[in-house]
N, C-alpha and C. Protein backbone atom coordinates (compact mmCIF):
# COMPACT_ATOMS: atom_id res chain seq x y z
N MET A 1 91.81 -33.08 -31.51
CA MET A 1 92.52 -32.18 -31.43
C MET A 1 91.90 -31.89 -30.19
N ASN A 2 90.51 -32.06 -29.76
CA ASN A 2 90.11 -31.52 -28.29
C ASN A 2 90.79 -32.33 -27.21
N GLY A 3 91.50 -33.13 -27.32
CA GLY A 3 92.69 -34.30 -26.57
C GLY A 3 93.75 -32.79 -26.27
N VAL A 4 93.79 -32.41 -27.66
CA VAL A 4 95.57 -31.35 -27.66
C VAL A 4 94.90 -30.19 -26.85
N PHE A 5 93.68 -29.76 -27.01
CA PHE A 5 93.13 -28.73 -26.58
C PHE A 5 93.59 -28.87 -24.63
N ALA A 6 92.39 -30.00 -24.32
CA ALA A 6 92.23 -30.03 -23.22
C ALA A 6 93.26 -30.65 -22.31
N ALA A 7 94.79 -30.76 -23.23
CA ALA A 7 96.12 -31.34 -22.27
C ALA A 7 96.23 -29.70 -22.05
N ILE A 8 96.75 -28.62 -23.10
CA ILE A 8 97.60 -27.64 -23.00
C ILE A 8 96.68 -26.87 -22.17
N SER A 9 95.46 -27.05 -21.88
CA SER A 9 94.45 -25.84 -21.01
C SER A 9 95.52 -26.06 -18.74
N ASP A 10 96.35 -26.62 -18.92
CA ASP A 10 96.81 -27.06 -17.62
C ASP A 10 98.17 -26.39 -17.68
N PRO A 11 98.04 -25.38 -17.01
CA PRO A 11 99.79 -24.69 -16.77
C PRO A 11 100.43 -25.29 -16.02
N THR A 12 100.65 -26.56 -15.60
CA THR A 12 101.28 -28.14 -14.76
C THR A 12 102.36 -28.08 -16.45
N ARG A 13 101.17 -28.66 -17.25
CA ARG A 13 101.35 -29.77 -18.67
C ARG A 13 101.79 -28.65 -19.59
N ARG A 14 101.36 -27.34 -19.37
CA ARG A 14 102.55 -26.29 -20.86
C ARG A 14 103.86 -26.14 -20.30
N ALA A 15 103.82 -26.26 -18.56
CA ALA A 15 105.74 -26.11 -18.07
C ALA A 15 106.43 -27.00 -18.47
N ILE A 16 105.82 -28.40 -18.08
CA ILE A 16 106.14 -29.66 -18.90
C ILE A 16 106.17 -29.96 -20.66
N LEU A 17 105.64 -28.95 -21.25
CA LEU A 17 105.66 -29.28 -23.00
C LEU A 17 107.26 -28.33 -23.20
N THR A 18 106.89 -27.34 -22.26
CA THR A 18 107.96 -26.28 -22.52
C THR A 18 109.50 -27.27 -22.25
N HIS A 19 109.38 -27.53 -21.04
CA HIS A 19 110.72 -28.59 -20.55
C HIS A 19 111.92 -29.50 -21.96
N LEU A 20 109.89 -30.34 -22.14
CA LEU A 20 110.46 -31.44 -23.28
C LEU A 20 110.77 -31.24 -24.29
N GLY A 21 110.48 -29.40 -24.51
CA GLY A 21 110.31 -28.67 -25.69
C GLY A 21 112.35 -28.30 -25.95
N ARG A 22 113.15 -28.85 -24.96
CA ARG A 22 114.54 -28.38 -24.73
C ARG A 22 114.54 -29.55 -24.59
N ARG A 23 114.22 -30.81 -24.56
CA ARG A 23 115.14 -32.09 -24.73
C ARG A 23 114.30 -32.98 -23.60
N PRO A 24 114.43 -34.36 -23.98
CA PRO A 24 113.68 -35.39 -23.55
C PRO A 24 114.67 -35.24 -22.11
N ALA A 25 113.39 -35.46 -21.09
CA ALA A 25 113.81 -35.86 -20.34
C ALA A 25 113.03 -37.10 -19.50
N ARG A 26 114.25 -37.49 -17.99
CA ARG A 26 113.46 -38.88 -17.58
C ARG A 26 112.09 -38.47 -15.82
N VAL A 27 111.18 -39.21 -16.16
CA VAL A 27 110.16 -38.85 -15.30
C VAL A 27 110.26 -38.46 -14.09
N THR A 28 111.63 -39.10 -13.28
CA THR A 28 111.87 -38.61 -11.97
C THR A 28 112.94 -36.82 -12.32
N ASP A 29 112.87 -36.51 -13.23
CA ASP A 29 113.70 -35.33 -13.66
C ASP A 29 112.80 -34.30 -13.69
N ILE A 30 111.17 -34.81 -14.55
CA ILE A 30 110.45 -33.84 -14.97
C ILE A 30 109.64 -33.48 -13.44
N ALA A 31 109.71 -34.32 -12.36
CA ALA A 31 108.99 -34.67 -11.27
C ALA A 31 109.69 -33.67 -10.71
N ARG A 32 110.48 -33.86 -10.19
CA ARG A 32 112.07 -32.84 -9.68
C ARG A 32 110.96 -31.75 -10.16
N ARG A 33 110.66 -30.78 -11.38
CA ARG A 33 110.96 -29.67 -10.97
C ARG A 33 109.35 -28.71 -10.40
N PHE A 34 108.41 -29.47 -9.98
CA PHE A 34 106.98 -29.25 -9.62
C PHE A 34 107.16 -29.69 -8.25
N PRO A 35 106.18 -28.73 -7.53
CA PRO A 35 106.06 -29.24 -6.12
C PRO A 35 104.64 -29.98 -5.85
N MET A 36 105.21 -30.87 -6.65
CA MET A 36 103.63 -31.98 -6.62
C MET A 36 104.58 -33.08 -6.11
N SER A 37 104.10 -34.15 -5.79
CA SER A 37 104.04 -35.40 -5.65
C SER A 37 104.74 -36.49 -6.80
N LEU A 38 105.33 -37.43 -7.15
CA LEU A 38 105.75 -38.13 -8.57
C LEU A 38 104.13 -38.80 -9.04
N ASN A 39 103.39 -38.87 -8.28
CA ASN A 39 102.24 -39.37 -8.67
C ASN A 39 101.27 -38.58 -9.56
N ALA A 40 101.59 -37.00 -9.03
CA ALA A 40 100.77 -36.09 -9.16
C ALA A 40 101.17 -35.76 -10.99
N VAL A 41 102.28 -35.88 -10.94
CA VAL A 41 103.25 -35.78 -12.14
C VAL A 41 102.77 -36.54 -12.99
N SER A 42 103.07 -37.62 -13.25
CA SER A 42 102.45 -39.18 -13.67
C SER A 42 101.71 -39.37 -14.51
N LYS A 43 100.25 -37.95 -13.61
CA LYS A 43 99.37 -38.07 -14.18
C LYS A 43 98.98 -37.27 -14.84
N HIS A 44 99.63 -36.19 -15.14
CA HIS A 44 99.86 -35.10 -16.00
C HIS A 44 100.21 -36.18 -17.36
N LEU A 45 101.67 -36.54 -17.12
CA LEU A 45 102.14 -37.22 -17.93
C LEU A 45 101.35 -37.95 -19.24
N ILE A 46 100.48 -38.70 -18.17
CA ILE A 46 99.50 -39.53 -18.76
C ILE A 46 98.37 -38.94 -19.69
N VAL A 47 98.14 -37.87 -19.37
CA VAL A 47 96.92 -36.71 -20.27
C VAL A 47 97.60 -36.05 -21.65
N LEU A 48 99.01 -36.21 -20.94
CA LEU A 48 99.81 -35.23 -22.66
C LEU A 48 99.93 -36.81 -23.46
N GLU A 49 100.58 -37.60 -23.29
CA GLU A 49 100.49 -38.51 -23.82
C GLU A 49 99.30 -39.23 -24.75
N ARG A 50 98.01 -39.65 -23.21
CA ARG A 50 96.53 -39.41 -24.63
C ARG A 50 96.41 -38.56 -25.98
N ALA A 51 97.44 -37.53 -25.07
CA ALA A 51 96.22 -36.84 -26.12
C ALA A 51 97.47 -36.52 -27.67
N GLY A 52 98.88 -37.24 -27.22
CA GLY A 52 100.23 -37.42 -28.63
C GLY A 52 100.99 -36.41 -28.44
N LEU A 53 100.80 -35.43 -27.04
CA LEU A 53 102.00 -34.45 -27.19
C LEU A 53 103.29 -35.24 -27.00
N ILE A 54 103.38 -35.66 -26.23
CA ILE A 54 104.31 -36.70 -25.44
C ILE A 54 104.65 -37.97 -25.61
N GLU A 55 105.81 -38.81 -26.12
CA GLU A 55 105.96 -40.26 -25.81
C GLU A 55 106.68 -40.36 -24.97
N ARG A 56 106.52 -41.88 -24.19
CA ARG A 56 107.28 -42.36 -22.89
C ARG A 56 108.09 -43.44 -23.74
N GLU A 57 109.22 -43.50 -23.49
CA GLU A 57 110.10 -44.69 -24.05
C GLU A 57 110.79 -45.36 -22.77
N ALA A 58 110.70 -46.66 -22.54
CA ALA A 58 111.28 -47.43 -21.12
C ALA A 58 112.70 -47.58 -22.07
N GLN A 59 113.64 -47.27 -20.77
CA GLN A 59 115.55 -47.59 -21.22
C GLN A 59 115.71 -47.62 -19.57
N GLY A 60 115.41 -49.42 -19.44
CA GLY A 60 116.08 -50.40 -18.16
C GLY A 60 114.74 -49.46 -17.29
N ARG A 61 115.13 -49.55 -16.08
CA ARG A 61 113.93 -49.04 -14.62
C ARG A 61 113.55 -47.48 -15.29
N GLU A 62 114.19 -46.71 -16.00
CA GLU A 62 113.83 -45.08 -16.11
C GLU A 62 112.86 -44.99 -17.36
N ARG A 63 111.52 -43.87 -17.51
CA ARG A 63 110.87 -43.65 -18.52
C ARG A 63 111.15 -42.71 -18.76
N ILE A 64 111.89 -42.37 -19.96
CA ILE A 64 112.16 -40.79 -21.08
C ILE A 64 110.92 -40.63 -21.51
N CYS A 65 110.70 -39.55 -21.50
CA CYS A 65 109.95 -38.34 -22.04
C CYS A 65 110.10 -37.80 -23.11
N ARG A 66 109.48 -37.43 -24.59
CA ARG A 66 110.26 -36.56 -25.53
C ARG A 66 108.67 -36.13 -26.00
N LEU A 67 109.40 -34.86 -26.31
CA LEU A 67 107.87 -34.34 -27.32
C LEU A 67 107.58 -34.56 -28.64
N ASN A 68 106.15 -34.60 -29.01
CA ASN A 68 105.83 -34.87 -30.50
C ASN A 68 104.89 -34.15 -30.54
N ALA A 69 106.03 -33.48 -31.76
CA ALA A 69 105.81 -32.27 -32.54
C ALA A 69 104.72 -32.14 -33.29
N ARG A 70 104.31 -33.44 -33.93
CA ARG A 70 103.45 -33.49 -34.73
C ARG A 70 102.23 -33.10 -34.49
N ARG A 71 101.54 -33.24 -33.07
CA ARG A 71 100.26 -32.95 -32.81
C ARG A 71 99.95 -31.26 -32.63
N PHE A 72 101.53 -30.66 -32.61
CA PHE A 72 100.96 -29.84 -32.05
C PHE A 72 101.07 -28.61 -33.78
N ARG A 73 101.36 -29.13 -34.62
CA ARG A 73 101.45 -29.23 -36.18
C ARG A 73 100.24 -29.12 -36.49
N GLU A 74 99.37 -30.05 -36.41
CA GLU A 74 98.51 -30.05 -36.62
C GLU A 74 96.66 -29.08 -35.57
N ALA A 75 97.41 -29.06 -34.43
CA ALA A 75 96.72 -27.64 -33.58
C ALA A 75 97.15 -25.79 -34.84
N THR A 76 98.24 -25.86 -35.05
CA THR A 76 98.62 -24.56 -35.52
C THR A 76 97.92 -24.50 -36.37
N LEU A 77 97.72 -25.04 -37.20
CA LEU A 77 96.82 -25.46 -38.34
C LEU A 77 95.95 -25.09 -38.33
N TRP A 78 95.30 -25.91 -37.38
CA TRP A 78 93.65 -25.41 -36.88
C TRP A 78 93.68 -23.71 -36.50
N MET A 79 94.42 -23.09 -35.67
CA MET A 79 94.62 -21.89 -35.38
C MET A 79 94.81 -21.05 -36.80
N ASP A 80 95.68 -21.41 -37.13
CA ASP A 80 96.13 -20.56 -38.35
C ASP A 80 95.15 -20.37 -39.13
N GLY A 81 94.32 -21.22 -39.22
CA GLY A 81 93.02 -21.13 -40.22
C GLY A 81 91.90 -20.17 -39.43
N MET A 82 91.94 -20.34 -38.12
CA MET A 82 90.31 -19.28 -37.29
C MET A 82 91.57 -17.66 -37.33
N ARG A 83 92.57 -17.67 -37.57
CA ARG A 83 93.10 -16.39 -37.08
C ARG A 83 92.82 -16.00 -38.99
N GLU A 84 92.75 -16.90 -40.13
CA GLU A 84 92.89 -15.83 -41.19
C GLU A 84 91.40 -15.63 -41.22
N PHE A 85 90.53 -16.29 -40.49
CA PHE A 85 88.55 -16.19 -40.46
C PHE A 85 88.76 -14.79 -39.81
N TRP A 86 89.27 -14.57 -38.76
CA TRP A 86 89.32 -13.03 -37.80
C TRP A 86 90.02 -11.85 -38.41
N GLU A 87 90.86 -12.28 -38.71
CA GLU A 87 91.62 -11.12 -39.86
C GLU A 87 90.78 -10.55 -40.91
N ALA A 88 90.45 -11.83 -41.61
CA ALA A 88 89.78 -11.32 -42.43
C ALA A 88 87.89 -10.47 -41.98
N ARG A 89 87.60 -10.47 -40.94
CA ARG A 89 86.23 -9.58 -40.54
C ARG A 89 86.74 -8.82 -40.23
N PHE A 90 87.97 -8.60 -39.08
CA PHE A 90 88.62 -7.35 -38.82
C PHE A 90 88.57 -6.27 -40.06
N ASP A 91 89.80 -6.84 -40.74
CA ASP A 91 89.60 -6.12 -42.29
C ASP A 91 88.75 -5.45 -42.45
N ALA A 92 87.12 -6.42 -42.66
CA ALA A 92 85.95 -5.93 -42.98
C ALA A 92 85.41 -5.00 -42.34
N LEU A 93 85.62 -5.28 -40.88
CA LEU A 93 85.10 -4.59 -39.92
C LEU A 93 85.84 -2.98 -40.42
N GLU A 94 87.10 -2.63 -40.22
CA GLU A 94 87.94 -1.53 -40.40
C GLU A 94 87.89 -0.63 -42.01
N ALA A 95 87.30 -1.73 -42.51
CA ALA A 95 86.45 -0.99 -44.29
C ALA A 95 85.69 -0.01 -43.81
N HIS A 96 84.62 -1.35 -43.30
CA HIS A 96 83.25 -0.41 -42.98
C HIS A 96 83.39 0.83 -42.09
N ILE A 97 84.26 0.42 -41.54
CA ILE A 97 84.15 1.65 -40.27
C ILE A 97 84.42 3.42 -41.16
N ALA A 98 85.57 2.44 -42.88
CA ALA A 98 86.24 4.43 -42.76
C ALA A 98 85.22 4.33 -44.14
N ARG A 99 83.90 3.32 -44.35
CA ARG A 99 83.53 3.96 -45.38
C ARG A 99 82.03 5.19 -44.77
N LYS A 100 82.24 4.77 -43.50
CA LYS A 100 80.68 5.28 -42.71
C LYS A 100 81.92 6.65 -42.41
N ARG A 101 82.45 6.62 -42.43
CA ARG A 101 83.16 8.14 -41.40
C ARG A 101 83.71 8.98 -42.62
N LYS A 102 83.86 8.32 -43.78
CA LYS A 102 84.17 9.45 -45.32
C LYS A 102 82.67 9.76 -45.48
N ALA A 103 81.29 9.18 -45.36
CA ALA A 103 80.45 9.08 -45.30
C ALA A 103 79.19 10.50 -44.68
N ARG A 104 79.81 10.42 -43.54
CA ARG A 104 80.08 11.91 -43.48
C ARG A 104 79.89 12.94 -43.56
N PRO A 105 78.74 13.49 -42.72
CA PRO A 105 78.27 15.51 -43.72
C PRO A 105 79.52 15.97 -43.07
């Protein structure tokens, strides 16, 4: 999961993932969306692929990228658990503050 969070820490990679969430795309089409070289975009795609967030498939001379939502589900489950943890802590804090306010003379 560390690879997933490292991969999505970059705004360009998040933008690529958002685009691929709508539909698969050729590497060249993805690269056209960004003010950087094809080589730079390819490096971002490698990071995303190594993290398991995308899959690349050869179709003739083209490389088609697709989103791999399974890896997002794993990260989402972890974040949901953390949210439940913090919500319980905030609920306890809120109850504590309410008790303190009622106990004031």
